[in-house]
């Protein structure tokens, strides 16, 4: 790709940029746009940023979920009612390659509210430093294969890299409460349906 830069003398200077530089620039531009998504934004704000969403199956019980296709990413966002702030976001790439560390950092940075910070939660492999080397290696390989990375923000919001680094979920405490209540209700119904033998 040739770009022209004007010289002070009024002439034009042409130079060629390597293709890998252009690809890196395009990726950084896409990531900077992706980094605008934040947990806690309203449905209106997300619709303005990403366009018309598709309604999809709920990712948090009782919360309508929108899915946006955006620069090669799918972003599912759960809203607990009209124009209420997002309580869960799930980022995935199309066609499903694993997230890179740079992409994870960009998403976490975009979801860092003023006065908060992310802290990595120790994975089982990191917490098992006292294991014998062979057991530790096996645990680390499993954790790496399955994703095995999680973070918590100082206000309780969590981020989890899910199965095989294929998706990254950002979850507000309200979503965790709703998910637990739905699970408890389902369990109560299941138990109530067991006949008295």
Protein backbone atom coordinates (compact mmCIF):
# COMPACT_ATOMS: atom_id res chain seq x y z
CA UNK A 1 0.00 0.00 0.00
CA UNK A 2 1.42 3.39 -0.98
CA UNK A 3 0.86 6.50 1.06
CA UNK A 4 1.76 10.02 0.04
CA UNK A 5 3.16 12.56 2.43
CA UNK A 6 3.48 16.17 1.37
CA UNK A 7 6.85 17.80 1.78
CA UNK A 8 7.20 21.40 2.89
CA UNK A 9 8.45 22.20 -0.62
CA UNK A 10 5.07 21.24 -2.04
CA UNK A 11 6.24 17.99 -3.62
CA UNK A 12 4.94 14.54 -2.82
CA UNK A 13 6.92 11.73 -1.25
CA UNK A 14 5.70 8.18 -1.73
CA UNK A 15 6.66 5.32 0.53
CA UNK A 16 5.42 1.80 1.08
CA UNK A 17 4.27 0.43 4.43
CA UNK A 18 4.73 -3.27 5.09
CA UNK A 19 1.48 -5.25 4.97
CA UNK A 20 1.93 -6.54 8.54
CA UNK A 21 2.00 -2.91 9.75
CA UNK A 22 -1.31 -2.22 8.00
CA UNK A 23 -2.87 -5.37 9.50
CA UNK A 24 -1.63 -4.39 12.97
CA UNK A 25 -3.06 -0.89 12.51
CA UNK A 26 -6.45 -2.31 11.42
CA UNK A 27 -6.50 -4.65 14.43
CA UNK A 28 -5.65 -1.82 16.84
CA UNK A 29 -8.37 0.33 15.30
CA UNK A 30 -10.93 -2.46 15.76
CA UNK A 31 -9.77 -3.04 19.34
CA UNK A 32 -10.03 0.65 20.15
CA UNK A 33 -13.65 0.59 18.98
CA UNK A 34 -14.31 -2.63 20.91
CA UNK A 35 -12.79 -1.03 23.97
CA UNK A 36 -15.70 1.43 24.07
CA UNK A 37 -18.04 -1.29 25.34
CA UNK A 38 -18.49 -1.14 29.09
CA UNK A 39 -20.43 -3.05 31.68
CA UNK A 40 -22.97 -0.64 33.13
CA UNK A 41 -23.84 1.13 29.85
CA UNK A 42 -27.51 1.31 28.90
CA UNK A 43 -29.19 -0.48 26.02
CA UNK A 44 -29.60 2.86 24.20
CA UNK A 45 -25.86 3.58 24.51
CA UNK A 46 -24.97 0.11 23.21
CA UNK A 47 -27.47 0.40 20.33
CA UNK A 48 -25.99 3.77 19.35
CA UNK A 49 -22.48 2.32 19.35
CA UNK A 50 -23.13 -1.04 17.64
CA UNK A 51 -26.31 -0.57 15.61
CA UNK A 52 -29.42 -2.70 15.61
CA UNK A 53 -29.05 -5.77 17.82
CA UNK A 54 -30.57 -9.21 17.48
CA UNK A 55 -32.58 -10.54 20.41
CA UNK A 56 -31.12 -13.85 21.56
CA UNK A 57 -31.56 -16.33 24.39
CA UNK A 58 -31.03 -14.80 27.82
CA UNK A 59 -27.53 -15.06 29.29
CA UNK A 60 -28.89 -13.94 32.67
CA UNK A 61 -32.31 -15.27 33.76
CA UNK A 62 -35.03 -12.64 33.41
CA UNK A 63 -32.83 -10.21 31.50
CA UNK A 64 -33.41 -9.54 27.80
CA UNK A 65 -30.20 -10.11 25.86
CA UNK A 66 -28.99 -8.30 22.74
CA UNK A 67 -26.34 -9.64 20.40
CA UNK A 68 -24.23 -7.29 18.33
CA UNK A 69 -21.93 -8.20 15.42
CA UNK A 70 -19.04 -5.79 15.59
CA UNK A 71 -15.72 -5.87 13.68
CA UNK A 72 -15.42 -9.66 13.82
CA UNK A 73 -16.65 -9.89 17.42
CA UNK A 74 -20.01 -11.01 18.75
CA UNK A 75 -21.02 -9.19 21.92
CA UNK A 76 -23.96 -10.48 23.94
CA UNK A 77 -25.24 -8.02 26.53
CA UNK A 78 -27.86 -8.65 29.23
CA UNK A 79 -30.03 -5.74 30.40
CA UNK A 80 -32.32 -6.09 33.47
CA UNK A 81 -35.07 -3.98 31.87
CA UNK A 82 -35.52 -1.15 29.40
CA UNK A 83 -32.61 1.27 29.40
CA UNK A 84 -31.12 -0.17 32.60
CA UNK A 85 -27.35 -0.67 32.69
CA UNK A 86 -25.82 -3.85 31.30
CA UNK A 87 -25.10 -6.46 33.97
CA UNK A 88 -23.35 -9.10 31.86
CA UNK A 89 -21.38 -8.99 28.63
CA UNK A 90 -19.99 -11.97 26.75
CA UNK A 91 -17.41 -11.27 24.04
CA UNK A 92 -16.53 -13.86 21.39
CA UNK A 93 -14.68 -13.71 18.09
CA UNK A 94 -15.92 -14.85 14.73
CA UNK A 95 -15.05 -17.38 13.43
CA UNK A 96 -14.20 -18.48 16.97
CA UNK A 97 -10.41 -18.19 17.31
CA UNK A 98 -9.02 -17.92 20.81
CA UNK A 99 -8.55 -14.47 22.36
CA UNK A 100 -5.07 -13.00 22.35
CA UNK A 101 -3.63 -11.43 25.49
CA UNK A 102 -3.82 -8.00 23.81
CA UNK A 103 -7.55 -8.42 23.18
CA UNK A 104 -8.16 -9.50 26.78
CA UNK A 105 -6.25 -6.49 28.09
CA UNK A 106 -8.19 -4.15 25.78
CA UNK A 107 -11.56 -5.50 27.00
CA UNK A 108 -10.52 -5.38 30.66
CA UNK A 109 -9.16 -1.83 30.29
CA UNK A 110 -12.39 -0.71 28.61
CA UNK A 111 -14.31 -2.12 31.54
CA UNK A 112 -12.23 -0.42 34.20
CA UNK A 113 -14.46 2.14 35.87
CA UNK A 114 -12.83 5.20 37.46
CA UNK A 115 -11.45 4.32 40.88
CA UNK A 116 -11.45 0.56 40.23
CA UNK A 117 -8.79 -1.90 39.16
CA UNK A 118 -8.66 -5.53 38.03
CA UNK A 119 -6.83 -8.18 40.00
CA UNK A 120 -6.06 -11.60 38.56
CA UNK A 121 -7.61 -14.44 40.53
CA UNK A 122 -5.20 -17.27 41.11
CA UNK A 123 -5.99 -20.26 38.95
CA UNK A 124 -5.85 -23.73 40.39
CA UNK A 125 -2.46 -24.20 38.75
CA UNK A 126 -1.07 -21.08 40.42
CA UNK A 127 -2.57 -22.01 43.78
CA UNK A 128 -1.03 -25.47 43.55
CA UNK A 129 2.63 -24.40 43.62
CA UNK A 130 3.22 -26.85 46.49
CA UNK A 131 2.21 -29.85 44.35
CA UNK A 132 4.81 -32.20 42.98
CA UNK A 133 6.09 -31.10 39.55
CA UNK A 134 4.20 -33.73 37.50
CA UNK A 135 0.83 -33.01 39.14
CA UNK A 136 1.44 -29.27 38.80
CA UNK A 137 2.26 -29.65 35.08
CA UNK A 138 -0.93 -31.63 34.46
CA UNK A 139 -3.05 -29.09 36.33
CA UNK A 140 -1.44 -26.19 34.45
CA UNK A 141 -2.01 -27.86 31.06
CA UNK A 142 -5.68 -28.44 31.84
CA UNK A 143 -6.15 -24.88 33.13
CA UNK A 144 -4.45 -23.42 30.04
CA UNK A 145 -6.45 -25.59 27.65
CA UNK A 146 -9.76 -24.72 29.27
CA UNK A 147 -9.00 -21.01 29.65
CA UNK A 148 -8.35 -20.95 33.36
CA UNK A 149 -8.07 -17.20 33.82
CA UNK A 150 -10.27 -14.92 35.87
CA UNK A 151 -10.11 -11.40 37.25
CA UNK A 152 -12.10 -9.45 39.83
CA UNK A 153 -12.55 -5.71 39.79
CA UNK A 154 -12.31 -3.88 43.11
CA UNK A 155 -16.09 -3.20 43.04
CA UNK A 156 -16.98 -6.89 42.63
CA UNK A 157 -17.39 -7.12 38.85
CA UNK A 158 -15.74 -10.29 37.53
CA UNK A 159 -14.18 -11.29 34.23
CA UNK A 160 -13.67 -14.89 33.18
CA UNK A 161 -11.97 -16.29 30.14
CA UNK A 162 -14.18 -19.23 29.31
CA UNK A 163 -13.64 -22.60 27.68
CA UNK A 164 -10.52 -22.74 25.51
CA UNK A 165 -10.24 -18.92 25.48
CA UNK A 166 -13.23 -18.73 23.11
CA UNK A 167 -15.21 -16.17 25.10
CA UNK A 168 -14.67 -13.57 27.77
CA UNK A 169 -17.53 -12.81 30.18
CA UNK A 170 -17.74 -9.62 32.25
CA UNK A 171 -20.29 -10.05 35.05
CA UNK A 172 -21.70 -7.52 37.53
CA UNK A 173 -22.66 -8.72 41.04
CA UNK A 174 -26.38 -8.24 40.21
CA UNK A 175 -26.09 -10.86 37.45
CA UNK A 176 -24.51 -13.33 39.88
CA UNK A 177 -27.41 -12.83 42.32
CA UNK A 178 -30.00 -13.30 39.56
CA UNK A 179 -28.25 -16.45 38.30
CA UNK A 180 -28.11 -17.93 41.82
CA UNK A 181 -31.79 -17.16 42.49
CA UNK A 182 -32.82 -18.84 39.22
CA UNK A 183 -30.67 -21.88 39.98
CA UNK A 184 -32.12 -22.15 43.52
CA UNK A 185 -35.68 -21.85 42.18
CA UNK A 186 -35.02 -24.52 39.57
CA UNK A 187 -33.56 -26.83 42.21
CA UNK A 188 -36.58 -26.29 44.50
CA UNK A 189 -38.96 -27.14 41.63
CA UNK A 190 -36.93 -30.22 40.74
CA UNK A 191 -37.05 -31.49 44.32
CA UNK A 192 -40.78 -30.73 44.59
CA UNK A 193 -41.44 -32.81 41.46
CA UNK A 194 -39.93 -35.96 43.02
CA UNK A 195 -42.84 -38.26 43.93
CA UNK A 196 -43.27 -39.62 47.47
CA UNK A 197 -42.40 -43.27 47.00
